[in-house]
N, C-alpha and C. Protein backbone atom coordinates (compact mmCIF):
# COMPACT_ATOMS: atom_id res chain seq x y z
N MET A 1 -59.99 6.53 107.85
CA MET A 1 -58.92 6.91 107.00
C MET A 1 -57.61 6.74 107.93
N CYS A 2 -56.59 5.97 107.68
CA CYS A 2 -55.73 5.72 108.41
C CYS A 2 -54.47 7.11 108.38
N PRO A 3 -54.17 7.69 109.66
CA PRO A 3 -53.22 8.69 109.42
C PRO A 3 -51.72 8.40 109.83
N HIS A 4 -51.41 6.98 109.61
CA HIS A 4 -50.10 6.50 110.17
C HIS A 4 -49.43 6.55 108.62
N LEU A 5 -48.04 6.50 108.83
CA LEU A 5 -47.12 6.57 107.47
C LEU A 5 -46.06 5.26 108.10
N PRO A 6 -46.03 4.37 107.31
CA PRO A 6 -46.84 3.73 106.24
C PRO A 6 -48.23 3.56 106.89
N PRO A 7 -49.20 3.62 105.92
CA PRO A 7 -50.68 3.27 106.56
C PRO A 7 -50.71 1.74 106.81
N CYS A 8 -51.76 1.87 107.86
CA CYS A 8 -52.04 0.43 108.36
C CYS A 8 -52.77 -0.40 107.32
N PRO A 9 -52.67 -1.59 107.31
CA PRO A 9 -53.54 -2.40 106.39
C PRO A 9 -55.02 -2.41 106.87
N PRO A 10 -55.63 -2.63 105.68
CA PRO A 10 -57.31 -2.39 105.77
C PRO A 10 -57.76 -3.57 106.30
N SER A 11 -58.81 -3.54 107.06
CA SER A 11 -59.35 -4.59 107.85
C SER A 11 -59.78 -5.94 106.95
N HIS A 12 -59.68 -5.77 105.80
CA HIS A 12 -60.01 -7.24 104.93
C HIS A 12 -58.57 -7.55 104.53
N ALA A 13 -57.78 -6.96 104.71
CA ALA A 13 -56.28 -7.57 104.24
C ALA A 13 -55.73 -8.83 104.99
N TYR A 14 -54.97 -9.53 104.54
CA TYR A 14 -54.59 -10.69 105.25
C TYR A 14 -53.43 -10.36 106.38
N ASP A 15 -52.87 -8.91 106.34
CA ASP A 15 -52.07 -8.70 107.51
C ASP A 15 -52.68 -7.75 108.30
N ARG A 16 -54.32 -7.75 108.35
CA ARG A 16 -54.87 -6.91 109.20
C ARG A 16 -54.49 -6.53 110.52
N GLU A 17 -53.87 -7.60 111.17
CA GLU A 17 -53.46 -7.50 112.62
C GLU A 17 -52.31 -6.79 112.85
N ALA A 18 -51.69 -6.28 111.78
CA ALA A 18 -50.41 -5.44 111.85
C ALA A 18 -50.82 -3.89 111.93
N ALA A 19 -51.95 -3.57 112.08
CA ALA A 19 -52.55 -2.09 112.28
C ALA A 19 -52.25 -1.87 113.58
N ARG A 20 -52.04 -0.48 113.71
CA ARG A 20 -51.54 0.04 115.06
C ARG A 20 -52.72 0.15 115.97
N VAL A 21 -52.64 -0.30 117.43
CA VAL A 21 -53.63 -0.34 118.55
C VAL A 21 -53.91 1.22 118.80
N VAL A 22 -55.13 1.29 118.67
CA VAL A 22 -55.74 2.94 118.99
C VAL A 22 -56.36 2.82 120.43
N ALA A 23 -56.81 1.77 120.93
CA ALA A 23 -57.41 1.52 122.10
C ALA A 23 -56.96 -0.02 122.81
N ALA A 24 -56.51 -0.03 123.99
CA ALA A 24 -56.17 -0.89 124.38
C ALA A 24 -56.83 -1.49 125.76
N HIS A 25 -57.37 -2.59 126.00
CA HIS A 25 -58.10 -3.01 127.33
C HIS A 25 -57.66 -4.38 127.60
N PRO A 26 -56.55 -4.45 127.85
CA PRO A 26 -55.91 -5.74 128.49
C PRO A 26 -56.69 -6.58 129.58
N GLU A 27 -57.16 -5.65 130.39
CA GLU A 27 -58.12 -6.15 131.67
C GLU A 27 -59.24 -6.92 131.02
N GLN A 28 -59.55 -6.46 129.92
CA GLN A 28 -60.99 -7.08 129.31
C GLN A 28 -60.59 -7.99 128.01
N GLY A 29 -59.30 -8.13 127.83
CA GLY A 29 -58.70 -9.04 126.86
C GLY A 29 -59.04 -8.56 125.22
N TRP A 30 -58.87 -7.26 124.85
CA TRP A 30 -59.23 -6.92 123.60
C TRP A 30 -58.56 -5.64 123.24
N SER A 31 -58.32 -5.36 121.97
CA SER A 31 -57.73 -4.08 121.61
C SER A 31 -58.39 -3.66 120.31
N LEU A 32 -58.53 -2.31 120.24
CA LEU A 32 -58.97 -1.72 119.03
C LEU A 32 -57.82 -1.23 118.07
N LEU A 33 -57.72 -1.93 116.82
CA LEU A 33 -56.98 -1.47 115.95
C LEU A 33 -57.40 -0.28 114.89
N CYS A 34 -56.26 0.46 114.35
CA CYS A 34 -56.66 1.54 113.78
C CYS A 34 -57.61 1.30 112.54
N ASN A 35 -57.59 -0.10 111.92
CA ASN A 35 -58.46 -0.41 110.71
C ASN A 35 -59.88 -0.87 111.38
N GLY A 36 -60.06 -0.66 112.38
CA GLY A 36 -61.48 -0.91 113.04
C GLY A 36 -61.74 -2.23 113.59
N VAL A 37 -60.70 -3.12 113.25
CA VAL A 37 -60.76 -4.52 113.69
C VAL A 37 -60.50 -4.44 115.46
N VAL A 38 -61.67 -5.28 115.99
CA VAL A 38 -61.36 -5.64 117.37
C VAL A 38 -60.68 -7.06 117.60
N LEU A 39 -59.39 -6.81 118.13
CA LEU A 39 -58.31 -8.15 118.55
C LEU A 39 -58.74 -8.40 119.65
N PHE A 40 -58.74 -9.89 119.97
CA PHE A 40 -58.97 -10.45 121.12
C PHE A 40 -57.80 -11.11 121.50
N ASP A 41 -57.49 -11.31 122.90
CA ASP A 41 -56.31 -11.77 123.52
C ASP A 41 -56.05 -13.52 122.86
N ASP A 42 -57.39 -14.06 122.75
CA ASP A 42 -57.10 -15.42 122.06
C ASP A 42 -57.03 -15.49 120.75
N THR A 43 -56.75 -14.57 120.20
CA THR A 43 -56.57 -14.27 118.70
C THR A 43 -57.58 -14.33 117.71
N GLY A 44 -58.92 -14.28 118.31
CA GLY A 44 -60.14 -14.26 117.57
C GLY A 44 -60.04 -12.70 117.24
N GLU A 45 -60.79 -12.37 116.19
CA GLU A 45 -61.05 -11.07 115.50
C GLU A 45 -62.62 -10.58 115.35
N LEU A 46 -62.91 -9.42 115.53
CA LEU A 46 -64.26 -8.99 114.93
C LEU A 46 -63.90 -7.94 114.03
N LEU A 47 -64.43 -8.04 112.68
CA LEU A 47 -64.11 -7.19 111.67
C LEU A 47 -65.24 -6.01 111.73
N PRO A 48 -64.86 -4.88 111.22
CA PRO A 48 -65.88 -3.74 111.34
C PRO A 48 -67.29 -4.08 110.62
N ASP A 49 -67.40 -5.06 109.71
CA ASP A 49 -68.43 -5.33 109.02
C ASP A 49 -69.42 -6.37 109.75
N GLY A 50 -68.70 -6.72 111.15
CA GLY A 50 -69.59 -7.71 111.75
C GLY A 50 -69.12 -9.29 111.65
N GLU A 51 -67.93 -9.43 110.52
CA GLU A 51 -67.59 -10.79 110.47
C GLU A 51 -66.53 -11.14 111.64
N VAL A 52 -66.88 -12.49 112.02
CA VAL A 52 -66.24 -13.11 113.14
C VAL A 52 -65.27 -13.82 112.55
N ILE A 53 -63.67 -13.56 113.06
CA ILE A 53 -62.63 -14.57 112.72
C ILE A 53 -62.36 -15.29 113.82
N ALA A 54 -62.34 -16.82 113.98
CA ALA A 54 -62.44 -17.54 114.97
C ALA A 54 -60.75 -17.55 115.38
N PRO A 55 -60.48 -17.82 116.67
CA PRO A 55 -59.09 -17.65 117.00
C PRO A 55 -58.23 -18.78 116.23
N HIS A 56 -57.06 -18.18 115.92
CA HIS A 56 -56.13 -18.92 115.36
C HIS A 56 -54.68 -18.99 115.64
N ARG A 57 -54.52 -19.46 116.85
CA ARG A 57 -53.34 -19.81 117.59
C ARG A 57 -52.76 -20.73 116.91
N PRO A 58 -51.48 -21.39 116.95
CA PRO A 58 -50.89 -22.51 116.48
C PRO A 58 -51.48 -23.65 117.53
N VAL A 59 -51.83 -24.74 116.83
CA VAL A 59 -52.04 -25.85 117.87
C VAL A 59 -51.13 -26.83 117.63
N GLY A 60 -50.79 -27.56 119.18
CA GLY A 60 -49.91 -28.42 119.22
C GLY A 60 -48.24 -27.94 119.14
N ALA A 61 -48.19 -26.56 119.50
CA ALA A 61 -46.90 -26.01 119.34
C ALA A 61 -46.31 -26.14 120.81
N PRO A 62 -44.93 -26.59 120.70
CA PRO A 62 -44.35 -26.78 122.13
C PRO A 62 -44.37 -25.64 122.98
N PRO A 63 -44.55 -25.56 124.02
CA PRO A 63 -44.31 -24.28 125.12
C PRO A 63 -43.11 -23.90 125.27
N TRP A 64 -42.07 -24.36 124.44
CA TRP A 64 -40.65 -23.94 124.74
C TRP A 64 -40.10 -23.62 123.25
N PRO A 65 -39.04 -22.88 123.11
CA PRO A 65 -38.44 -22.68 121.63
C PRO A 65 -37.85 -23.96 121.19
N ALA A 66 -38.06 -24.07 119.77
CA ALA A 66 -37.34 -25.24 119.27
C ALA A 66 -35.71 -25.49 119.24
N GLY A 67 -35.43 -26.68 119.74
CA GLY A 67 -34.07 -26.69 120.14
C GLY A 67 -33.68 -26.51 121.59
N ALA A 68 -34.48 -25.87 122.24
CA ALA A 68 -34.15 -25.51 123.58
C ALA A 68 -34.35 -26.69 124.31
N PRO A 69 -33.23 -27.06 125.43
CA PRO A 69 -33.55 -28.20 126.11
C PRO A 69 -34.80 -28.20 127.27
N ARG A 70 -35.24 -29.48 127.28
CA ARG A 70 -36.59 -29.45 128.20
C ARG A 70 -35.91 -29.70 129.47
N ARG A 71 -36.84 -29.10 130.46
CA ARG A 71 -36.54 -29.24 131.81
C ARG A 71 -37.19 -30.46 132.51
């Protein structure tokens, strides 16, 4: 049960990545969220029930902000 107010989204919710980080291990590339989701630096996820969510970064996005001049 989440002690935060407002409560963190549950692990099965679409916005599950908005839950608060309760344990961060950036040297290993992952964080544990309040809802039990393990979030990896490559945007992949491991849900508490064992379901794996593949990385879902935007593909083909330019490395610079839209409208910014290229160097």
